[in-house]
Amino acid sequence: MTRIAIVGGGPAGYEAALVACQLGAEVTLVDRDGIGGQCVLSDCVPSKTFIATSEAMTTYAHADRLGVHTEGLVSTRLSEVHQRVKALALAQSHDIAHRLERDGVRLLAGQARLTSASTVEVDGEVVEADAVLLAVGARPRVVEGAEPDGERILDWRQLYDLTELPEHLVVVGSGVTGAEFANAYLAMGSQVTLVSSRDRLLPSEDRDAAELLQTVFEGRGMHVQRGRAATVVSTGDGVLVTLTDGTEVRGSHCLMTVGSVPNTEGLGLEEVGVRVGAGGQVEVDRVSRTNVPGVYAAGDCTGVLALASVAAMQGRIAMWHVLGEAVSPLRLSTVSANVFTDPQVASVGVTQKQVESGEVVADQVTLPLATNARAKMQGLEHGFVKFFCRPGSGTVLGGVVVAPTASELVMPMSLAVQHGLTADQIAHTFAIYPSLSGSVTEAARQLMLRT
């Protein structure tokens, strides 16, 4: 029986453990912070639970356009929201741990360290293995001089300990995490200022989507400061954020969302010879192998793409490879991603930037969501569906959706990119009428006429 040692209980680790058990391996999973990792306990699951409440607030805030009048009666109690957030995260962690144990995974709590390519030491206990998977995740990056204190300057793990809604939240960082929390707190009733050192929100996302989202944010009262870095200091009863042009922004709280740092220090990687990049990330190939035979790595600690879905797939691929199963190397070009703002932004495959630069030759079409009958019924004003396809063959290369349910609507695009479907095939597929998904097939029909 092959012995597998997994360090880290997040999506990469626990999904790998389940696959390895399914294939008959003897699996030991070592975790320091709690099963589910930061994803379940303090990052993805809690944040999306919090965002679900903010989405409900947004729905009621705009209900008057549908003839529903709340007359200012809708409110939220932050203590109740945070209680639900924490309870759901713990329940999810418990469910994952229960399944792991039921499937035969041996769970160890403690700090792990590699002592060789085939041994892991856990607080004095030595675990021997035929293969080791490192899935230790990452933590919020700290900016010198703006260290989180849990009271006024916060990272995203500390938000759920607040007892009152911030009067004025300054969010530093305009990536996915910054945009999501800025949107959520605005919906919950806080005044929000979003500070971006880049020239726009969501610099890694589709430009059209990012510009539309900024228009929506500012229309709802958010202040967006672009193209200027910031320094942050606590004033005791608030924060002072100073931008590089001298502009000062005073708030009650500041949320720092300036990226993540891999949790790779103290693991014994240098002693074993595992190659680590300048940013602390474990270097891996497309089947999750490090440069040391028998040692694999997956998830945020690899710096490949910080998504739970990618982490889980990296972990599965590692186990399939270790245990001799047929395996396809990781293809980032088929990964779909979503920003949980309102509206959401989902994307897959080829990007507008690649097309505009000439890196990829593609035909494209953009269909405003406002033309969709269901969108009109729901009072939706902002959003679009964008498709990219290969000229001539019509093979779908990528797409972008901006809509309240973009995370669901992007699925047919993902299937098309993954399996090489054409615009014609999507165009000839039935969509419910009326439905937002009808815009996906309609965009494909328009694109079909151009190929």
Protein backbone atom coordinates (compact mmCIF):
# COMPACT_ATOMS: atom_id res chain seq x y z
CA MET A 1 0.00 0.00 0.00
CA THR A 2 1.36 3.42 -0.98
CA ARG A 3 1.83 5.75 1.98
CA ILE A 4 0.89 9.40 1.40
CA ALA A 5 1.64 12.28 3.77
CA ILE A 6 -0.23 15.52 3.13
CA VAL A 7 0.72 18.73 4.90
CA GLY A 8 -2.20 21.16 4.98
CA GLY A 9 -5.95 20.57 5.24
CA GLY A 10 -7.30 23.15 2.80
CA PRO A 11 -8.93 22.36 -0.57
CA ALA A 12 -5.67 21.11 -2.09
CA GLY A 13 -4.93 18.87 0.88
CA TYR A 14 -8.33 17.41 1.68
CA GLU A 15 -9.30 16.83 -1.96
CA ALA A 16 -5.97 15.07 -2.52
CA ALA A 17 -6.57 12.93 0.58
CA LEU A 18 -9.99 11.84 -0.65
CA VAL A 19 -8.60 10.86 -4.07
CA ALA A 20 -5.69 8.95 -2.52
CA CYS A 21 -8.00 7.00 -0.21
CA GLN A 22 -10.31 6.22 -3.09
CA LEU A 23 -7.34 4.73 -4.92
CA GLY A 24 -6.31 2.58 -1.96
CA ALA A 25 -3.45 4.56 -0.44
CA GLU A 26 -2.69 4.89 3.25
CA VAL A 27 -3.11 8.61 3.94
CA THR A 28 -1.98 10.83 6.80
CA LEU A 29 -3.08 14.46 6.67
CA VAL A 30 -1.32 16.94 8.95
CA ASP A 31 -3.00 20.26 9.65
CA ARG A 32 -2.03 23.15 11.88
CA ASP A 33 -4.97 25.55 11.69
CA GLY A 34 -8.08 23.40 11.24
CA ILE A 35 -9.50 21.14 8.55
CA GLY A 36 -10.63 23.15 5.55
CA GLY A 37 -7.72 25.54 5.94
CA GLN A 38 -7.94 29.28 5.59
CA CYS A 39 -10.33 28.84 2.65
CA VAL A 40 -13.02 27.34 4.86
CA LEU A 41 -12.25 28.94 8.20
CA SER A 42 -11.32 32.54 7.42
CA ASP A 43 -11.27 33.26 3.70
CA CYS A 44 -13.52 31.97 0.93
CA VAL A 45 -16.37 30.37 2.89
CA PRO A 46 -16.73 33.18 5.48
CA SER A 47 -16.39 35.96 2.92
CA LYS A 48 -18.97 34.48 0.55
CA THR A 49 -21.32 33.88 3.49
CA PHE A 50 -20.97 37.54 4.47
CA ILE A 51 -21.46 38.56 0.84
CA ALA A 52 -24.70 36.54 0.72
CA THR A 53 -26.10 38.89 3.38
CA SER A 54 -24.92 41.94 1.47
CA GLU A 55 -26.62 40.59 -1.67
CA ALA A 56 -29.90 40.39 0.22
CA MET A 57 -29.42 44.00 1.33
CA THR A 58 -28.78 45.07 -2.29
CA THR A 59 -31.93 43.29 -3.44
CA TYR A 60 -34.07 45.16 -0.93
CA ALA A 61 -32.31 48.46 -1.62
CA HIS A 62 -33.44 48.30 -5.26
CA ALA A 63 -36.79 46.58 -4.72
CA ASP A 64 -38.73 49.78 -5.40
CA ARG A 65 -38.07 49.43 -9.13
CA LEU A 66 -40.21 46.26 -8.95
CA GLY A 67 -42.93 47.99 -6.98
CA VAL A 68 -41.80 46.66 -3.59
CA HIS A 69 -41.40 49.40 -0.97
CA THR A 70 -39.58 48.63 2.27
CA GLU A 71 -39.89 52.19 3.65
CA GLY A 72 -36.52 51.98 5.37
CA LEU A 73 -37.44 48.94 7.45
CA VAL A 74 -34.63 46.71 6.20
CA SER A 75 -31.64 46.55 8.53
CA THR A 76 -28.94 44.13 9.60
CA ARG A 77 -27.31 43.22 12.90
CA LEU A 78 -23.62 42.66 12.43
CA SER A 79 -23.33 40.39 15.45
CA GLU A 80 -25.95 38.04 13.98
CA VAL A 81 -24.28 38.11 10.57
CA HIS A 82 -20.86 37.28 12.03
CA GLN A 83 -22.34 34.57 14.24
CA ARG A 84 -23.79 32.93 11.13
CA VAL A 85 -20.52 33.36 9.23
CA LYS A 86 -18.45 31.68 11.94
CA ALA A 87 -20.98 28.92 12.58
CA LEU A 88 -21.19 28.02 8.90
CA ALA A 89 -17.39 27.96 8.54
CA LEU A 90 -17.01 25.67 11.57
CA ALA A 91 -19.80 23.41 10.33
CA GLN A 92 -18.14 23.12 6.92
CA SER A 93 -14.81 22.30 8.58
CA HIS A 94 -16.49 19.64 10.72
CA ASP A 95 -18.22 18.09 7.70
CA ILE A 96 -14.94 17.84 5.77
CA ALA A 97 -13.11 16.32 8.76
CA HIS A 98 -15.93 13.81 9.27
CA ARG A 99 -15.76 12.71 5.64
CA LEU A 100 -11.97 12.38 5.73
CA GLU A 101 -12.11 10.19 8.82
CA ARG A 102 -14.98 8.15 7.40
CA ASP A 103 -12.94 7.48 4.26
CA GLY A 104 -9.96 6.33 6.31
CA VAL A 105 -7.68 9.38 6.41
CA ARG A 106 -5.55 9.63 9.52
CA LEU A 107 -5.70 13.21 10.82
CA LEU A 108 -2.86 14.76 12.81
CA ALA A 109 -2.99 18.24 14.35
CA GLY A 110 0.32 20.02 14.64
CA GLN A 111 3.22 21.78 12.98
CA ALA A 112 4.84 19.71 10.22
CA ARG A 113 8.38 19.82 8.92
CA LEU A 114 10.08 17.82 6.18
CA THR A 115 13.11 15.95 7.46
CA SER A 116 13.67 14.17 4.15
CA ALA A 117 11.81 13.58 0.89
CA SER A 118 10.02 10.67 2.56
CA THR A 119 9.61 11.72 6.21
CA VAL A 120 7.55 14.40 7.88
CA GLU A 121 8.03 15.31 11.52
CA VAL A 122 4.94 16.46 13.39
CA ASP A 123 5.68 17.78 16.88
CA GLY A 124 8.17 14.99 17.48
CA GLU A 125 6.26 12.22 15.69
CA VAL A 126 7.79 10.95 12.45
CA VAL A 127 5.45 10.10 9.57
CA GLU A 128 7.06 7.99 6.84
CA ALA A 129 5.68 8.25 3.33
CA ASP A 130 6.27 7.14 -0.23
CA ALA A 131 5.13 10.57 -1.42
CA VAL A 132 4.56 13.93 0.29
CA LEU A 133 2.15 16.64 -0.79
CA LEU A 134 2.71 20.17 0.51
CA ALA A 135 -0.56 22.11 0.62
CA VAL A 136 0.15 24.74 3.24
CA GLY A 137 -1.69 27.66 1.67
CA ALA A 138 -0.95 31.36 2.12
CA ARG A 139 -1.70 34.24 4.48
CA PRO A 140 -2.48 37.96 3.96
CA ARG A 141 0.54 40.03 3.02
CA VAL A 142 1.48 42.65 5.61
CA VAL A 143 2.72 46.10 4.59
CA GLU A 144 5.38 47.54 6.88
CA GLY A 145 3.94 50.43 8.86
CA ALA A 146 0.35 49.25 8.29
CA GLU A 147 0.40 46.07 10.34
CA PRO A 148 -3.12 44.84 11.20
CA ASP A 149 -4.03 45.46 14.83
CA GLY A 150 -7.46 43.79 14.78
CA GLU A 151 -9.15 47.03 15.80
CA ARG A 152 -8.67 49.77 13.21
CA ILE A 153 -6.31 48.27 10.62
CA LEU A 154 -7.58 44.87 9.59
CA ASP A 155 -6.84 41.97 7.30
CA TRP A 156 -9.75 39.93 5.93
CA ARG A 157 -9.44 37.31 8.67
CA GLN A 158 -10.17 39.89 11.36
CA LEU A 159 -13.36 41.40 9.93
CA TYR A 160 -15.62 38.85 11.58
CA ASP A 161 -14.59 39.97 15.08
CA LEU A 162 -16.02 43.46 14.59
CA THR A 163 -19.04 44.11 16.77
CA GLU A 164 -20.32 47.12 14.84
CA LEU A 165 -20.49 48.00 11.17
CA PRO A 166 -17.62 50.34 10.18
CA GLU A 167 -18.86 53.89 9.78
CA HIS A 168 -16.32 54.54 7.01
CA LEU A 169 -14.29 51.63 5.69
CA VAL A 170 -11.21 52.40 3.61
CA VAL A 171 -10.24 49.40 1.51
CA VAL A 172 -6.62 49.42 0.30
CA GLY A 173 -6.23 47.15 -2.72
CA SER A 174 -8.52 46.81 -5.74
CA GLY A 175 -8.05 43.17 -6.62
CA VAL A 176 -10.74 40.53 -6.17
CA THR A 177 -10.73 40.56 -2.36
CA GLY A 178 -10.73 44.35 -2.13
CA ALA A 179 -13.54 44.75 -4.67
CA GLU A 180 -15.67 42.05 -3.03
CA PHE A 181 -15.45 43.49 0.48
CA ALA A 182 -15.82 47.09 -0.69
CA ASN A 183 -19.01 46.10 -2.49
CA ALA A 184 -20.31 44.08 0.46
CA TYR A 185 -19.77 46.76 3.10
CA LEU A 186 -21.26 49.42 0.86
CA ALA A 187 -24.39 47.27 0.55
CA MET A 188 -24.45 46.71 4.32
CA GLY A 189 -24.55 50.45 4.95
CA SER A 190 -20.96 51.56 5.50
CA GLN A 191 -19.41 54.52 3.74
CA VAL A 192 -16.65 53.00 1.60
CA THR A 193 -13.54 54.38 -0.05
CA LEU A 194 -11.62 52.01 -2.31
CA VAL A 195 -7.95 52.86 -2.90
CA SER A 196 -6.16 51.37 -5.90
CA SER A 197 -2.49 51.81 -6.77
CA ARG A 198 -3.38 50.71 -10.30
CA ASP A 199 -5.23 52.69 -12.97
CA ARG A 200 -8.44 50.73 -12.49
CA LEU A 201 -10.33 48.24 -10.37
CA LEU A 202 -9.70 44.53 -10.87
CA PRO A 203 -6.51 45.00 -12.91
CA SER A 204 -6.36 41.28 -13.72
CA GLU A 205 -9.95 41.10 -15.00
CA ASP A 206 -11.62 42.12 -18.25
CA ARG A 207 -11.32 45.90 -18.68
CA ASP A 208 -14.91 46.36 -19.86
CA ALA A 209 -16.15 44.44 -16.82
CA ALA A 210 -13.94 46.42 -14.44
CA GLU A 211 -15.05 49.77 -15.86
CA LEU A 212 -18.71 48.78 -15.65
CA LEU A 213 -18.23 47.65 -12.06
CA GLN A 214 -16.60 50.95 -11.11
CA THR A 215 -19.53 52.82 -12.66
CA VAL A 216 -21.93 50.75 -10.55
CA PHE A 217 -19.87 51.25 -7.38
CA GLU A 218 -19.66 55.01 -7.81
CA GLY A 219 -23.35 55.20 -8.68
CA ARG A 220 -24.11 53.60 -5.32
CA GLY A 221 -21.97 56.12 -3.45
CA MET A 222 -18.54 54.49 -3.21
CA HIS A 223 -15.49 56.73 -3.48
CA VAL A 224 -12.82 55.21 -5.72
CA GLN A 225 -9.25 56.53 -5.66
CA ARG A 226 -7.18 55.17 -8.55
CA GLY A 227 -3.55 55.27 -9.57
CA ARG A 228 -2.15 56.19 -6.17
CA ALA A 229 -0.45 54.12 -3.50
CA ALA A 230 -1.29 54.65 0.15
CA THR A 231 0.24 54.71 3.60
CA VAL A 232 -1.97 53.83 6.54
CA VAL A 233 -1.73 54.75 10.22
CA SER A 234 -4.11 54.22 13.11
CA THR A 235 -5.24 57.38 14.90
CA GLY A 236 -6.69 55.53 17.88
CA ASP A 237 -10.31 56.21 17.05
CA GLY A 238 -9.89 55.74 13.31
CA VAL A 239 -7.39 55.58 10.47
CA LEU A 240 -5.56 58.10 8.31
CA VAL A 241 -4.81 56.97 4.78
CA THR A 242 -2.42 59.22 2.85
CA LEU A 243 -2.14 58.83 -0.91
CA THR A 244 1.03 59.48 -2.89
CA ASP A 245 -0.35 62.78 -4.24
CA GLY A 246 -0.91 64.04 -0.69
CA THR A 247 -4.64 63.37 -0.56
CA GLU A 248 -5.76 62.31 2.91
CA VAL A 249 -8.67 59.96 3.57
CA ARG A 250 -9.90 59.56 7.13
CA GLY A 251 -11.98 56.52 8.02
CA SER A 252 -13.15 54.54 11.01
CA HIS A 253 -11.42 51.35 9.79
CA CYS A 254 -9.02 50.23 7.07
CA LEU A 255 -9.07 46.84 5.38
CA MET A 256 -5.74 45.81 3.82
CA THR A 257 -6.14 43.59 0.75
CA VAL A 258 -2.70 43.70 -0.82
CA GLY A 259 -2.10 40.09 -1.73
CA SER A 260 -0.92 36.92 0.00
CA VAL A 261 2.33 35.28 1.11
CA PRO A 262 2.90 31.48 0.87
CA ASN A 263 3.18 29.66 4.22
CA THR A 264 6.41 27.93 3.23
CA GLU A 265 8.84 29.10 5.90
CA GLY A 266 9.80 26.63 8.64
CA LEU A 267 8.89 23.55 6.55
CA GLY A 268 12.47 22.36 6.01
CA LEU A 269 12.27 22.92 2.27
CA GLU A 270 15.79 24.28 1.90
CA GLU A 271 17.27 21.37 3.85
CA VAL A 272 15.48 18.83 1.66
CA GLY A 273 16.32 20.75 -1.50
CA VAL A 274 12.83 21.77 -2.61
CA ARG A 275 13.13 24.75 -4.95
CA VAL A 276 11.32 27.88 -3.73
CA GLY A 277 10.76 31.05 -5.75
CA ALA A 278 11.68 34.60 -4.77
CA GLY A 279 8.20 35.16 -3.36
CA GLY A 280 8.32 32.04 -1.19
CA GLN A 281 6.19 29.90 -3.52
CA VAL A 282 7.02 26.23 -4.08
CA GLU A 283 7.90 25.72 -7.74
CA VAL A 284 5.91 22.94 -9.40
CA ASP A 285 5.22 21.57 -12.86
CA ARG A 286 1.79 20.93 -14.39
CA VAL A 287 1.33 17.66 -12.49
CA SER A 288 2.24 19.30 -9.16
CA ARG A 289 5.77 17.84 -8.88
CA THR A 290 8.53 19.81 -7.20
CA ASN A 291 12.16 19.36 -8.23
CA VAL A 292 12.61 16.70 -5.51
CA PRO A 293 11.33 13.22 -6.50
CA GLY A 294 8.40 12.14 -4.35
CA VAL A 295 7.61 15.65 -3.11
CA TYR A 296 4.58 17.42 -4.61
CA ALA A 297 2.91 20.75 -3.85
CA ALA A 298 -0.51 22.20 -4.55
CA GLY A 299 -2.64 25.23 -3.80
CA ASP A 300 -1.83 28.81 -2.90
CA CYS A 301 1.65 27.91 -1.64
CA THR A 302 2.62 27.25 -5.28
CA GLY A 303 1.58 30.70 -6.52
CA VAL A 304 -0.02 29.14 -9.60
CA LEU A 305 -3.50 30.68 -9.34
CA ALA A 306 -5.13 31.52 -6.02
CA LEU A 307 -8.47 29.78 -6.50
CA ALA A 308 -9.91 26.98 -4.38
CA SER A 309 -10.93 25.13 -7.55
CA VAL A 310 -7.36 25.25 -8.89
CA ALA A 311 -5.91 24.19 -5.52
CA ALA A 312 -8.25 21.21 -5.37
CA MET A 313 -7.42 20.18 -8.93
CA GLN A 314 -3.69 20.48 -8.29
CA GLY A 315 -4.09 18.19 -5.29
CA ARG A 316 -6.11 15.63 -7.24
CA ILE A 317 -3.65 15.69 -10.14
CA ALA A 318 -0.77 15.07 -7.72
CA MET A 319 -2.44 11.97 -6.30
CA TRP A 320 -3.45 10.62 -9.69
CA HIS A 321 0.14 11.00 -10.80
CA VAL A 322 1.62 9.43 -7.66
CA LEU A 323 -0.73 6.47 -7.78
CA GLY A 324 -0.32 5.70 -11.46
CA GLU A 325 -3.65 6.90 -12.79
CA ALA A 326 -4.05 8.50 -16.20
CA VAL A 327 -3.79 12.24 -15.65
CA SER A 328 -4.06 15.37 -17.76
CA PRO A 329 -1.68 18.18 -16.76
CA LEU A 330 -3.21 21.33 -15.31
CA ARG A 331 -4.58 23.65 -18.02
CA LEU A 332 -4.99 27.16 -16.68
CA SER A 333 -6.55 28.22 -19.99
CA THR A 334 -9.69 26.28 -19.05
CA VAL A 335 -10.06 27.65 -15.50
CA SER A 336 -13.16 29.74 -14.84
CA ALA A 337 -13.04 32.41 -12.14
CA ASN A 338 -15.59 34.67 -10.50
CA VAL A 339 -15.59 37.95 -8.59
CA PHE A 340 -18.46 37.94 -6.08
CA THR A 341 -19.43 41.57 -6.34
CA ASP A 342 -22.87 42.82 -7.41
CA PRO A 343 -22.99 42.34 -10.32
CA GLN A 344 -20.59 39.40 -10.40
CA VAL A 345 -17.79 39.13 -12.94
CA ALA A 346 -17.01 35.67 -14.33
CA SER A 347 -14.47 34.75 -16.98
CA VAL A 348 -12.86 31.76 -18.66
CA GLY A 349 -10.25 31.20 -21.34
CA VAL A 350 -8.87 33.86 -23.68
CA THR A 351 -8.95 37.48 -22.47
CA GLN A 352 -9.64 40.79 -24.17
CA LYS A 353 -6.04 41.82 -23.46
CA GLN A 354 -4.70 38.79 -25.34
CA VAL A 355 -6.92 39.57 -28.32
CA GLU A 356 -6.08 43.29 -28.41
CA SER A 357 -2.33 42.60 -28.15
CA GLY A 358 -2.46 40.19 -31.09
CA GLU A 359 -1.35 37.26 -28.96
CA VAL A 360 -4.60 35.50 -29.88
CA VAL A 361 -6.60 36.01 -33.06
CA ALA A 362 -10.32 35.86 -32.27
CA ASP A 363 -13.71 37.11 -33.33
CA GLN A 364 -15.79 38.52 -30.50
CA VAL A 365 -19.22 39.78 -29.62
CA THR A 366 -20.54 41.64 -26.58
CA LEU A 367 -24.24 41.52 -25.78
CA PRO A 368 -25.61 43.93 -23.13
CA LEU A 369 -27.68 42.21 -20.47
CA ALA A 370 -30.23 45.03 -20.66
CA THR A 371 -31.56 43.54 -23.91
CA ASN A 372 -32.54 40.31 -22.11
CA ALA A 373 -36.25 39.94 -21.30
CA ARG A 374 -35.63 38.28 -17.93
CA ALA A 375 -33.18 41.02 -16.98
CA LYS A 376 -35.85 43.62 -17.72
CA MET A 377 -38.36 41.73 -15.56
CA GLN A 378 -35.88 41.67 -12.67
CA GLY A 379 -34.94 45.32 -13.07
CA LEU A 380 -31.33 44.55 -13.98
CA GLU A 381 -29.58 47.41 -15.73
CA HIS A 382 -25.90 46.49 -15.68
CA GLY A 383 -24.11 43.56 -17.26
CA PHE A 384 -23.12 41.85 -20.47
CA VAL A 385 -22.12 38.57 -22.09
CA LYS A 386 -18.91 38.50 -24.14
CA PHE A 387 -17.69 35.63 -26.31
CA PHE A 388 -14.37 35.02 -28.09
CA CYS A 389 -14.09 32.37 -30.82
CA ARG A 390 -11.60 31.22 -33.40
CA PRO A 391 -12.19 32.73 -36.88
CA GLY A 392 -13.33 30.19 -39.42
CA SER A 393 -14.04 27.22 -37.15
CA GLY A 394 -16.01 29.18 -34.56
CA THR A 395 -14.37 27.24 -31.69
CA VAL A 396 -15.07 29.03 -28.42
CA LEU A 397 -11.84 30.37 -26.91
CA GLY A 398 -13.18 32.28 -23.92
CA GLY A 399 -15.84 34.47 -22.48
CA VAL A 400 -16.85 37.00 -19.84
CA VAL A 401 -20.15 37.41 -18.03
CA VAL A 402 -21.16 40.38 -15.89
CA ALA A 403 -24.46 39.63 -14.15
CA PRO A 404 -25.88 38.98 -10.68
CA THR A 405 -25.47 35.23 -11.30
CA ALA A 406 -22.38 35.28 -13.51
CA SER A 407 -20.84 32.42 -11.51
CA GLU A 408 -23.66 30.20 -12.80
CA LEU A 409 -23.99 31.65 -16.30
CA VAL A 410 -20.31 31.11 -17.13
CA MET A 411 -20.70 27.32 -16.93
CA PRO A 412 -21.70 26.75 -20.58
CA MET A 413 -18.74 28.89 -21.63
CA SER A 414 -16.45 26.77 -19.46
CA LEU A 415 -17.80 23.59 -21.02
CA ALA A 416 -17.25 25.04 -24.47
CA VAL A 417 -13.65 26.05 -23.72
CA GLN A 418 -12.84 22.75 -22.01
CA HIS A 419 -14.24 20.57 -24.78
CA GLY A 420 -13.61 22.69 -27.88
CA LEU A 421 -17.27 23.40 -28.66
CA THR A 422 -18.20 25.94 -31.32
CA ALA A 423 -20.41 29.02 -31.27
CA ASP A 424 -22.76 27.12 -33.59
CA GLN A 425 -23.19 24.32 -31.06
CA ILE A 426 -24.05 26.75 -28.28
CA ALA A 427 -26.32 28.75 -30.57
CA HIS A 428 -28.30 25.61 -31.43
CA THR A 429 -28.76 24.67 -27.76
CA PHE A 430 -32.13 25.38 -26.16
CA ALA A 431 -32.22 28.03 -23.42
CA ILE A 432 -35.20 28.67 -21.16
CA TYR A 433 -37.32 31.66 -22.11
CA PRO A 434 -37.24 34.02 -20.35
CA SER A 435 -33.88 33.46 -18.64
CA LEU A 436 -30.55 35.21 -18.27
CA SER A 437 -28.93 32.16 -19.85
CA GLY A 438 -30.74 33.14 -23.03
CA SER A 439 -28.14 35.88 -23.45
CA VAL A 440 -25.43 33.23 -23.67
CA THR A 441 -27.10 31.45 -26.58
CA GLU A 442 -28.06 34.77 -28.21
CA ALA A 443 -24.46 36.02 -28.05
CA ALA A 444 -23.36 32.73 -29.62
CA ARG A 445 -25.89 33.20 -32.42
CA GLN A 446 -24.56 36.68 -33.14
CA LEU A 447 -21.03 35.35 -33.14
CA MET A 448 -22.02 32.43 -35.39
CA LEU A 449 -23.04 34.92 -38.09
CA ARG A 450 -19.55 36.46 -38.06
CA THR A 451 -17.55 33.25 -38.48
